[in-house]
Amino acid sequence: MGVSGSGKSTVGAALARHLGVPFADADDLHPAANIEKMSAGKPLTDEDRWPWLDIVGEWLAAHVDGGVMSCSALRRAYRDRLRSWAPGLRFVHLDGEASLIAMRQSAREGHFMPPSLQASQQRALEALDPDEPGVRVDVEATVEALVATVARDLDA
């Protein structure tokens, strides 16, 4: 979980390879209307997100033997919705300096999420609460170091 540009897809795919489980990117599951809205620089509303989160939740529920999904899951309510589908779900919050994440996002090519929405995502972001299973990691680390940290957390 994390804002756009935090490395969810890159770290998620590497973690899935490390764990030997399937990987999916929630961005690929957005309805066309959501993609059009974000491409136009308009932030999604909760009403836009609920059906998409249910699609993500269905994928998670179908992978009872394990899987990694990259998904913004910015708010506690969104994570609760996903946990309603997959109660054993653990989150990895990819977090870091907003300036670093913004730089990475602006360097991306071919993604529908424009850098102009970065601030709205930062405002919406709610860090993991202490009662939420998961770990926060700093995106300044290498992908390999992030995967190692998360793998250790999963063994705990």
Protein backbone atom coordinates (compact mmCIF):
# COMPACT_ATOMS: atom_id res chain seq x y z
CA MET A 1 0.00 0.00 0.00
CA GLY A 2 1.05 3.59 -0.48
CA VAL A 3 0.72 6.60 -2.70
CA SER A 4 1.33 6.52 -6.41
CA GLY A 5 5.04 6.36 -7.16
CA SER A 6 6.00 4.70 -3.87
CA GLY A 7 7.11 1.51 -5.63
CA LYS A 8 4.15 -0.75 -4.94
CA SER A 9 4.32 -2.56 -8.28
CA THR A 10 8.09 -2.95 -8.30
CA VAL A 11 8.40 -4.10 -4.69
CA GLY A 12 5.23 -6.18 -4.88
CA ALA A 13 6.39 -8.10 -7.96
CA ALA A 14 9.81 -8.70 -6.39
CA LEU A 15 8.21 -9.87 -3.14
CA ALA A 16 5.90 -12.24 -5.00
CA ARG A 17 8.89 -13.74 -6.86
CA HIS A 18 10.75 -14.12 -3.55
CA LEU A 19 7.76 -15.84 -1.94
CA GLY A 20 6.85 -17.89 -5.00
CA VAL A 21 3.27 -16.62 -5.10
CA PRO A 22 1.15 -14.85 -7.74
CA PHE A 23 1.31 -11.07 -8.13
CA ALA A 24 -1.33 -8.64 -9.36
CA ASP A 25 -1.45 -4.87 -9.65
CA ALA A 26 -4.71 -3.27 -8.53
CA ASP A 27 -4.16 -0.54 -11.13
CA ASP A 28 -4.89 -3.19 -13.77
CA LEU A 29 -8.28 -3.85 -12.15
CA HIS A 30 -9.63 -0.28 -12.26
CA PRO A 31 -12.76 0.19 -14.34
CA ALA A 32 -12.26 2.33 -17.44
CA ALA A 33 -14.21 5.20 -15.85
CA ASN A 34 -11.73 5.37 -12.95
CA ILE A 35 -8.76 5.42 -15.32
CA GLU A 36 -10.36 8.14 -17.42
CA LYS A 37 -11.06 10.22 -14.32
CA MET A 38 -7.50 9.91 -12.95
CA SER A 39 -6.00 10.50 -16.41
CA ALA A 40 -7.91 13.77 -16.47
CA GLY A 41 -6.29 14.75 -13.16
CA LYS A 42 -9.41 14.19 -11.05
CA PRO A 43 -9.05 12.28 -7.77
CA LEU A 44 -11.31 9.28 -7.22
CA THR A 45 -14.12 9.47 -4.69
CA ASP A 46 -15.02 6.71 -2.27
CA GLU A 47 -17.95 5.86 -4.55
CA ASP A 48 -15.45 5.36 -7.39
CA ARG A 49 -13.24 3.17 -5.22
CA TRP A 50 -15.69 0.77 -3.55
CA PRO A 51 -16.44 -1.40 -6.64
CA TRP A 52 -12.73 -1.44 -7.52
CA LEU A 53 -11.78 -2.45 -3.99
CA ASP A 54 -14.28 -5.29 -4.19
CA ILE A 55 -12.60 -6.55 -7.37
CA VAL A 56 -9.24 -6.39 -5.58
CA GLY A 57 -10.79 -8.17 -2.59
CA GLU A 58 -12.15 -10.94 -4.81
CA TRP A 59 -8.64 -11.54 -6.17
CA LEU A 60 -7.22 -11.66 -2.65
CA ALA A 61 -9.96 -14.05 -1.48
CA ALA A 62 -9.26 -16.35 -4.45
CA HIS A 63 -5.58 -16.66 -3.47
CA VAL A 64 -5.94 -18.35 -0.09
CA ASP A 65 -2.52 -20.01 -0.51
CA GLY A 66 -0.84 -16.63 -0.88
CA GLY A 67 -0.45 -13.77 -3.26
CA VAL A 68 0.80 -10.22 -3.43
CA MET A 69 -1.38 -7.36 -4.63
CA SER A 70 -0.11 -3.83 -5.10
CA CYS A 71 -2.91 -1.48 -4.12
CA SER A 72 -2.90 2.07 -2.80
CA ALA A 73 -5.26 1.19 0.10
CA LEU A 74 -4.75 4.75 1.32
CA ARG A 75 -7.38 4.82 4.05
CA ARG A 76 -8.25 2.51 6.93
CA ALA A 77 -11.76 2.11 5.52
CA TYR A 78 -10.30 0.79 2.24
CA ARG A 79 -8.07 -1.66 4.09
CA ASP A 80 -11.02 -2.78 6.21
CA ARG A 81 -12.96 -3.41 3.00
CA LEU A 82 -10.11 -5.54 1.64
CA ARG A 83 -9.83 -7.44 4.95
CA SER A 84 -13.54 -8.25 4.73
CA TRP A 85 -12.61 -10.33 1.67
CA ALA A 86 -9.34 -11.71 3.04
CA PRO A 87 -9.27 -11.61 6.87
CA GLY A 88 -5.63 -12.75 7.10
CA LEU A 89 -4.42 -9.91 4.89
CA ARG A 90 -1.18 -8.16 5.87
CA PHE A 91 -0.19 -4.75 4.55
CA VAL A 92 3.19 -3.38 3.59
CA HIS A 93 3.11 0.39 3.75
CA LEU A 94 5.69 1.78 1.34
CA ASP A 95 6.37 5.17 2.84
CA GLY A 96 8.99 7.85 2.50
CA GLU A 97 9.75 11.46 1.83
CA ALA A 98 7.07 13.02 -0.33
CA SER A 99 9.71 14.72 -2.48
CA LEU A 100 11.42 11.38 -3.29
CA ILE A 101 8.11 9.71 -4.15
CA ALA A 102 7.03 12.67 -6.29
CA MET A 103 10.34 12.58 -8.17
CA ARG A 104 9.93 8.86 -8.84
CA GLN A 105 6.36 9.29 -9.97
CA SER A 106 7.18 12.13 -12.34
CA ALA A 107 9.90 9.97 -13.93
CA ARG A 108 7.43 7.17 -14.75
CA GLU A 109 6.29 6.81 -18.32
CA GLY A 110 3.06 5.36 -19.63
CA HIS A 111 1.06 5.41 -16.39
CA PHE A 112 -2.42 6.93 -16.22
CA MET A 113 -1.85 8.56 -12.82
CA PRO A 114 -0.58 12.12 -13.38
CA PRO A 115 1.86 13.71 -10.91
CA SER A 116 -0.78 16.38 -10.24
CA LEU A 117 -2.72 13.86 -8.10
CA GLN A 118 0.23 13.19 -5.79
CA ALA A 119 -0.84 15.82 -3.26
CA SER A 120 -4.40 14.47 -3.04
CA GLN A 121 -3.03 10.99 -2.37
CA GLN A 122 -0.69 12.29 0.33
CA ARG A 123 -3.64 14.06 1.98
CA ALA A 124 -5.81 10.92 1.85
CA LEU A 125 -3.11 8.58 3.16
CA GLU A 126 -3.75 7.10 6.60
CA ALA A 127 -0.81 5.19 8.03
CA LEU A 128 -1.38 1.69 9.37
CA ASP A 129 -2.93 1.74 12.80
CA PRO A 130 -1.21 -0.33 15.52
CA ASP A 131 -3.99 -2.95 15.36
CA GLU A 132 -3.58 -3.46 11.59
CA PRO A 133 -1.37 -6.40 10.63
CA GLY A 134 1.50 -5.14 8.57
CA VAL A 135 4.76 -3.28 8.42
CA ARG A 136 5.90 0.18 7.33
CA VAL A 137 9.05 0.34 5.22
CA ASP A 138 11.03 3.31 3.93
CA VAL A 139 11.15 3.49 0.13
CA GLU A 140 14.61 4.98 0.25
CA ALA A 141 15.96 1.42 0.68
CA THR A 142 16.73 -0.80 -2.30
CA VAL A 143 14.08 -3.16 -3.61
CA GLU A 144 16.17 -6.10 -2.35
CA ALA A 145 16.38 -4.63 1.16
CA LEU A 146 12.65 -3.90 1.19
CA VAL A 147 11.82 -7.46 0.13
CA ALA A 148 14.13 -8.86 2.83
CA THR A 149 12.50 -6.67 5.49
CA VAL A 150 9.00 -7.69 4.46
CA ALA A 151 9.93 -11.38 4.23
CA ARG A 152 11.28 -11.22 7.80
CA ASP A 153 8.08 -9.54 8.94
CA LEU A 154 5.98 -12.26 7.34
CA ASP A 155 7.95 -14.93 9.20
CA ALA A 156 7.23 -13.23 12.52
